[in-house]
Structure formats: C-alpha cells, structure tokens
Amino acid sequence: MAGGQDPPNVRPVAKQTPEAACVTAPKLTATDPRSAPSSLEGWAARRLAYFCMGWLFFGLGVIGAVLPLIPTTPFMLLAAWAFGNSSRRFERWLLEHRWFGEGIKRWRAHRVVPLRVKLVSWTTMAVTFVLSVSSGRLSWWALAAQAALMAYGAWFLARLPSKVPGTHPTA
C-alpha cells in the first residue's frame, strides 16, 4: 500500500483522464423532438393545464346547476374557453351539449345574457350580501370587498343585452 497504491481487492473503475471528466451534450438534429424551439416546449403542459381547468370549470358549472348559490353560466363559459385552448373535440362537445350549448353559443355570438339569468344573479348577490352582513362574522373590509365585487358583477351584467339584437319576442 505504500506509494499510493490501492489494496489488492479494489479494482479501478476507470482511468482518471481529463478527457473522461469532460461530458458533452448530445448533438440534436431538426428531427429530434428534444430540439423543439423553446416556445413549443411548454405547449403540452399548457394544453394539459387548460384541459384540467376545462373539466374543473365544467364540474363547478354542473354543481351550480343543482345548487342555487353557485352560478352555472360563468363556469360553463370558462370551461368552453379552457377547452378551446386545449381540445377542439371537447369544446365542440360542450358547444353541442343539450343543456349548456345554446347559452355558450349565444354568449360567443352576441354577448347576450338572458334577463332570467340576470335576475337570478342579482337576487343571489343581494341575498348573499344581506346574509354576510347579518351573520356578523365578516370584518368591514371583507364586506367592503364583497360589496365592490358584487357591484362590479351587477354592473357588468346590466350593461349586456338580454336578447339577441334584431330579434323580437313572439306573441
């Protein structure tokens, strides 16, 4: 063992040379999927994120169709937007859905919110705010924030048309 030698039961794994210590990256070609431009590298992850958001919003919209305190329409619009960014197949499925499709198409074509939807939204906002105030559990700043958001939502709905332009109600 004198002279810096290894004991007889130790085998050298590799010779230590400067060339062995240098690691080079593999050469990428245009046909190699790893050589995609940086702008496309995150596209699959973004599509998956949009797809998952689409199903999350759709699920919340379905829950909203059953529970009166959760809105359906905004979640379905968000689901259509998310599916439009991830899967044309599921976007088409949602647009052709027998319960939710017509409202989404009407919104996309004319930015129309039916009067019944507006009335339900305004009533829900008012009842929710009254319950929040009467519960006494929220601080003044939380109530102020809630009131501001609800006022914006009410204003946003009020400025949208309730009927498709150019149509007349049938008598």
C-alpha atoms as a PDB file:
ATOM      1  CA  MET A   1       0.000   0.000   0.000  1.00  0.00           C
ATOM      2  CA  ALA A   2       2.971   2.189   0.128  1.00  0.00           C
ATOM      3  CA  GLY A   3       3.446   4.537  -2.738  1.00  0.00           C
ATOM      4  CA  GLY A   4      -0.287   5.401  -3.079  1.00  0.00           C
ATOM      5  CA  GLN A   5      -1.428   2.080  -4.487  1.00  0.00           C
ATOM      6  CA  ASP A   6      -4.870   0.629  -3.880  1.00  0.00           C
ATOM      7  CA  PRO A   7      -5.258  -2.534  -1.848  1.00  0.00           C
ATOM      8  CA  PRO A   8      -5.397  -5.728  -3.961  1.00  0.00           C
ATOM      9  CA  ASN A   9      -9.211  -6.196  -3.511  1.00  0.00           C
ATOM     10  CA  VAL A  10     -10.085  -2.785  -5.093  1.00  0.00           C
ATOM     11  CA  ARG A  11     -10.460  -2.674  -8.871  1.00  0.00           C
ATOM     12  CA  PRO A  12     -10.057   0.586 -10.706  1.00  0.00           C
ATOM     13  CA  VAL A  13     -13.358   1.638 -12.294  1.00  0.00           C
ATOM     14  CA  ALA A  14     -11.983   3.926 -14.974  1.00  0.00           C
ATOM     15  CA  LYS A  15      -8.832   5.711 -15.692  1.00  0.00           C
ATOM     16  CA  GLN A  16      -8.914   9.276 -14.495  1.00  0.00           C
ATOM     17  CA  THR A  17      -8.019  11.390 -17.503  1.00  0.00           C
ATOM     18  CA  PRO A  18      -9.019  14.944 -18.356  1.00  0.00           C
ATOM     19  CA  GLU A  19     -10.997  13.645 -21.366  1.00  0.00           C
ATOM     20  CA  ALA A  20     -13.055  11.269 -19.189  1.00  0.00           C
ATOM     21  CA  ALA A  21     -14.029  14.079 -16.835  1.00  0.00           C
ATOM     22  CA  CYS A  22     -15.490  16.208 -19.665  1.00  0.00           C
ATOM     23  CA  VAL A  23     -19.113  15.407 -20.536  1.00  0.00           C
ATOM     24  CA  THR A  24     -20.587  16.782 -23.727  1.00  0.00           C
ATOM     25  CA  ALA A  25     -24.255  17.188 -24.574  1.00  0.00           C
ATOM     26  CA  PRO A  26     -25.627  15.011 -27.372  1.00  0.00           C
ATOM     27  CA  LYS A  27     -25.965  16.640 -30.749  1.00  0.00           C
ATOM     28  CA  LEU A  28     -29.593  17.432 -31.557  1.00  0.00           C
ATOM     29  CA  THR A  29     -30.968  17.341 -35.062  1.00  0.00           C
ATOM     30  CA  ALA A  30     -34.011  19.043 -36.577  1.00  0.00           C
ATOM     31  CA  THR A  31     -35.963  15.774 -36.445  1.00  0.00           C
ATOM     32  CA  ASP A  32     -35.160  15.125 -32.791  1.00  0.00           C
ATOM     33  CA  PRO A  33     -38.189  16.079 -30.641  1.00  0.00           C
ATOM     34  CA  ARG A  34     -35.842  17.429 -27.990  1.00  0.00           C
ATOM     35  CA  SER A  35     -34.696  20.133 -30.402  1.00  0.00           C
ATOM     36  CA  ALA A  36     -38.085  21.888 -30.420  1.00  0.00           C
ATOM     37  CA  PRO A  37     -37.938  25.655 -30.117  1.00  0.00           C
ATOM     38  CA  SER A  38     -38.293  26.955 -26.587  1.00  0.00           C
ATOM     39  CA  SER A  39     -41.693  28.475 -27.456  1.00  0.00           C
ATOM     40  CA  LEU A  40     -43.125  24.979 -28.067  1.00  0.00           C
ATOM     41  CA  GLU A  41     -41.527  23.202 -25.129  1.00  0.00           C
ATOM     42  CA  GLY A  42     -44.239  24.183 -22.650  1.00  0.00           C
ATOM     43  CA  TRP A  43     -47.163  23.772 -25.078  1.00  0.00           C
ATOM     44  CA  ALA A  44     -48.074  20.248 -23.959  1.00  0.00           C
ATOM     45  CA  ALA A  45     -48.050  21.307 -20.316  1.00  0.00           C
ATOM     46  CA  ARG A  46     -50.221  24.346 -21.111  1.00  0.00           C
ATOM     47  CA  ARG A  47     -52.710  22.206 -23.053  1.00  0.00           C
ATOM     48  CA  LEU A  48     -52.933  19.801 -20.134  1.00  0.00           C
ATOM     49  CA  ALA A  49     -53.443  22.694 -17.707  1.00  0.00           C
ATOM     50  CA  TYR A  50     -56.205  24.183 -19.887  1.00  0.00           C
ATOM     51  CA  PHE A  51     -57.799  20.743 -20.258  1.00  0.00           C
ATOM     52  CA  CYS A  52     -57.832  20.202 -16.484  1.00  0.00           C
ATOM     53  CA  MET A  53     -59.228  23.715 -15.958  1.00  0.00           C
ATOM     54  CA  GLY A  54     -61.933  22.939 -18.506  1.00  0.00           C
ATOM     55  CA  TRP A  55     -63.094  19.911 -16.536  1.00  0.00           C
ATOM     56  CA  LEU A  56     -62.824  21.784 -13.235  1.00  0.00           C
ATOM     57  CA  PHE A  57     -64.991  24.630 -14.561  1.00  0.00           C
ATOM     58  CA  PHE A  58     -67.420  22.189 -16.139  1.00  0.00           C
ATOM     59  CA  GLY A  59     -67.758  20.324 -12.832  1.00  0.00           C
ATOM     60  CA  LEU A  60     -68.342  23.575 -10.944  1.00  0.00           C
ATOM     61  CA  GLY A  61     -70.938  24.563 -13.533  1.00  0.00           C
ATOM     62  CA  VAL A  62     -72.778  21.261 -13.124  1.00  0.00           C
ATOM     63  CA  ILE A  63     -72.742  21.735  -9.350  1.00  0.00           C
ATOM     64  CA  GLY A  64     -74.070  25.239  -9.939  1.00  0.00           C
ATOM     65  CA  ALA A  65     -76.943  23.831 -11.985  1.00  0.00           C
ATOM     66  CA  VAL A  66     -78.013  21.866  -8.896  1.00  0.00           C
ATOM     67  CA  LEU A  67     -77.120  24.270  -6.077  1.00  0.00           C
ATOM     68  CA  PRO A  68     -78.724  27.711  -6.236  1.00  0.00           C
ATOM     69  CA  LEU A  69     -75.805  29.606  -4.660  1.00  0.00           C
ATOM     70  CA  ILE A  70     -73.215  28.634  -7.280  1.00  0.00           C
ATOM     71  CA  PRO A  71     -73.548  30.174 -10.753  1.00  0.00           C
ATOM     72  CA  THR A  72     -73.624  27.863 -13.767  1.00  0.00           C
ATOM     73  CA  THR A  73     -73.154  30.172 -16.727  1.00  0.00           C
ATOM     74  CA  PRO A  74     -69.780  31.756 -15.854  1.00  0.00           C
ATOM     75  CA  PHE A  75     -68.270  28.345 -15.166  1.00  0.00           C
ATOM     76  CA  MET A  76     -69.577  26.944 -18.453  1.00  0.00           C
ATOM     77  CA  LEU A  77     -68.173  29.940 -20.320  1.00  0.00           C
ATOM     78  CA  LEU A  78     -64.819  29.384 -18.626  1.00  0.00           C
ATOM     79  CA  ALA A  79     -64.982  25.670 -19.454  1.00  0.00           C
ATOM     80  CA  ALA A  80     -65.618  26.479 -23.133  1.00  0.00           C
ATOM     81  CA  TRP A  81     -62.675  28.907 -23.108  1.00  0.00           C
ATOM     82  CA  ALA A  82     -60.364  26.353 -21.480  1.00  0.00           C
ATOM     83  CA  PHE A  83     -61.441  23.549 -23.819  1.00  0.00           C
ATOM     84  CA  GLY A  84     -60.984  25.944 -26.754  1.00  0.00           C
ATOM     85  CA  ASN A  85     -57.344  26.296 -25.704  1.00  0.00           C
ATOM     86  CA  SER A  86     -56.770  22.596 -25.159  1.00  0.00           C
ATOM     87  CA  SER A  87     -59.127  20.308 -27.055  1.00  0.00           C
ATOM     88  CA  ARG A  88     -61.291  21.229 -30.030  1.00  0.00           C
ATOM     89  CA  ARG A  89     -63.126  17.939 -29.532  1.00  0.00           C
ATOM     90  CA  PHE A  90     -64.273  18.803 -26.003  1.00  0.00           C
ATOM     91  CA  GLU A  91     -65.000  22.399 -26.990  1.00  0.00           C
ATOM     92  CA  ARG A  92     -67.313  21.094 -29.733  1.00  0.00           C
ATOM     93  CA  TRP A  93     -68.867  18.625 -27.277  1.00  0.00           C
ATOM     94  CA  LEU A  94     -69.654  21.448 -24.845  1.00  0.00           C
ATOM     95  CA  LEU A  95     -70.996  23.724 -27.590  1.00  0.00           C
ATOM     96  CA  GLU A  96     -73.317  20.924 -28.737  1.00  0.00           C
ATOM     97  CA  HIS A  97     -74.388  19.983 -25.203  1.00  0.00           C
ATOM     98  CA  ARG A  98     -78.182  19.911 -24.986  1.00  0.00           C
ATOM     99  CA  TRP A  99     -78.349  21.882 -21.711  1.00  0.00           C
ATOM    100  CA  PHE A 100     -75.359  24.211 -21.810  1.00  0.00           C
ATOM    101  CA  GLY A 101     -74.505  24.623 -25.500  1.00  0.00           C
ATOM    102  CA  GLU A 102     -77.063  27.227 -26.564  1.00  0.00           C
ATOM    103  CA  GLY A 103     -76.133  29.683 -23.826  1.00  0.00           C
ATOM    104  CA  ILE A 104     -72.448  29.422 -24.666  1.00  0.00           C
ATOM    105  CA  LYS A 105     -73.127  29.904 -28.396  1.00  0.00           C
ATOM    106  CA  ARG A 106     -75.381  32.889 -27.677  1.00  0.00           C
ATOM    107  CA  TRP A 107     -72.665  34.425 -25.493  1.00  0.00           C
ATOM    108  CA  ARG A 108     -69.938  33.895 -28.064  1.00  0.00           C
ATOM    109  CA  ALA A 109     -72.003  35.234 -30.945  1.00  0.00           C
ATOM    110  CA  HIS A 110     -73.739  38.215 -29.342  1.00  0.00           C
ATOM    111  CA  ARG A 111     -72.547  38.612 -25.710  1.00  0.00           C
ATOM    112  CA  VAL A 112     -76.152  38.079 -24.606  1.00  0.00           C
ATOM    113  CA  VAL A 113     -77.199  37.186 -21.058  1.00  0.00           C
ATOM    114  CA  PRO A 114     -80.915  36.366 -20.798  1.00  0.00           C
ATOM    115  CA  LEU A 115     -82.959  38.506 -18.422  1.00  0.00           C
ATOM    116  CA  ARG A 116     -83.850  35.477 -16.289  1.00  0.00           C
ATOM    117  CA  VAL A 117     -80.143  34.755 -15.723  1.00  0.00           C
ATOM    118  CA  LYS A 118     -79.534  38.396 -14.827  1.00  0.00           C
ATOM    119  CA  LEU A 119     -82.405  38.417 -12.318  1.00  0.00           C
ATOM    120  CA  VAL A 120     -81.196  35.209 -10.662  1.00  0.00           C
ATOM    121  CA  SER A 121     -77.657  36.591 -10.483  1.00  0.00           C
ATOM    122  CA  TRP A 122     -78.693  39.928  -8.991  1.00  0.00           C
ATOM    123  CA  THR A 123     -81.010  38.242  -6.479  1.00  0.00           C
ATOM    124  CA  THR A 124     -78.312  35.770  -5.445  1.00  0.00           C
ATOM    125  CA  MET A 125     -75.785  38.577  -4.976  1.00  0.00           C
ATOM    126  CA  ALA A 126     -78.212  40.626  -2.880  1.00  0.00           C
ATOM    127  CA  VAL A 127     -79.244  37.692  -0.685  1.00  0.00           C
ATOM    128  CA  THR A 128     -75.634  36.630  -0.209  1.00  0.00           C
ATOM    129  CA  PHE A 129     -74.581  40.145   0.809  1.00  0.00           C
ATOM    130  CA  VAL A 130     -77.505  40.519   3.239  1.00  0.00           C
ATOM    131  CA  LEU A 131     -76.630  37.158   4.818  1.00  0.00           C
ATOM    132  CA  SER A 132     -72.970  38.165   5.061  1.00  0.00           C
ATOM    133  CA  VAL A 133     -73.836  41.420   6.826  1.00  0.00           C
ATOM    134  CA  SER A 134     -76.391  39.828   9.144  1.00  0.00           C
ATOM    135  CA  SER A 135     -74.053  36.996  10.159  1.00  0.00           C
ATOM    136  CA  GLY A 136     -71.666  39.479  11.771  1.00  0.00           C
ATOM    137  CA  ARG A 137     -68.719  37.172  11.062  1.00  0.00           C
ATOM    138  CA  LEU A 138     -67.025  39.210   8.358  1.00  0.00           C
ATOM    139  CA  SER A 139     -64.858  42.242   9.015  1.00  0.00           C
ATOM    140  CA  TRP A 140     -65.762  45.579   7.489  1.00  0.00           C
ATOM    141  CA  TRP A 141     -63.021  45.316   4.868  1.00  0.00           C
ATOM    142  CA  ALA A 142     -64.221  41.850   3.782  1.00  0.00           C
ATOM    143  CA  LEU A 143     -67.768  43.198   3.447  1.00  0.00           C
ATOM    144  CA  ALA A 144     -66.474  46.196   1.507  1.00  0.00           C
ATOM    145  CA  ALA A 145     -64.531  43.916  -0.850  1.00  0.00           C
ATOM    146  CA  GLN A 146     -67.560  41.665  -1.280  1.00  0.00           C
ATOM    147  CA  ALA A 147     -69.800  44.658  -1.989  1.00  0.00           C
ATOM    148  CA  ALA A 148     -67.320  46.064  -4.521  1.00  0.00           C
ATOM    149  CA  LEU A 149     -67.005  42.759  -6.388  1.00  0.00           C
ATOM    150  CA  MET A 150     -70.749  42.226  -6.401  1.00  0.00           C
ATOM    151  CA  ALA A 151     -71.366  45.793  -7.573  1.00  0.00           C
ATOM    152  CA  TYR A 152     -68.944  45.248 -10.444  1.00  0.00           C
ATOM    153  CA  GLY A 153     -70.657  41.956 -11.324  1.00  0.00           C
ATOM    154  CA  ALA A 154     -74.099  43.599 -11.224  1.00  0.00           C
ATOM    155  CA  TRP A 155     -72.879  46.479 -13.404  1.00  0.00           C
ATOM    156  CA  PHE A 156     -71.242  44.081 -15.870  1.00  0.00           C
ATOM    157  CA  LEU A 157     -74.479  42.100 -16.240  1.00  0.00           C
ATOM    158  CA  ALA A 158     -76.620  45.221 -16.520  1.00  0.00           C
ATOM    159  CA  ARG A 159     -74.659  46.571 -19.461  1.00  0.00           C
ATOM    160  CA  LEU A 160     -75.050  43.367 -21.521  1.00  0.00           C
ATOM    161  CA  PRO A 161     -78.051  42.841 -23.795  1.00  0.00           C
ATOM    162  CA  SER A 162     -80.769  40.412 -22.702  1.00  0.00           C
ATOM    163  CA  LYS A 163     -81.846  39.461 -26.223  1.00  0.00           C
ATOM    164  CA  VAL A 164     -80.062  38.788 -29.476  1.00  0.00           C
ATOM    165  CA  PRO A 165     -80.043  42.071 -31.427  1.00  0.00           C
ATOM    166  CA  GLY A 166     -82.638  42.234 -34.169  1.00  0.00           C
ATOM    167  CA  THR A 167     -84.988  39.636 -32.674  1.00  0.00           C
ATOM    168  CA  HIS A 168     -88.477  40.399 -31.484  1.00  0.00           C
ATOM    169  CA  PRO A 169     -90.333  38.447 -28.844  1.00  0.00           C
ATOM    170  CA  THR A 170     -93.029  36.220 -30.256  1.00  0.00           C
ATOM    171  CA  ALA A 171     -96.555  36.978 -29.135  1.00  0.00           C
END
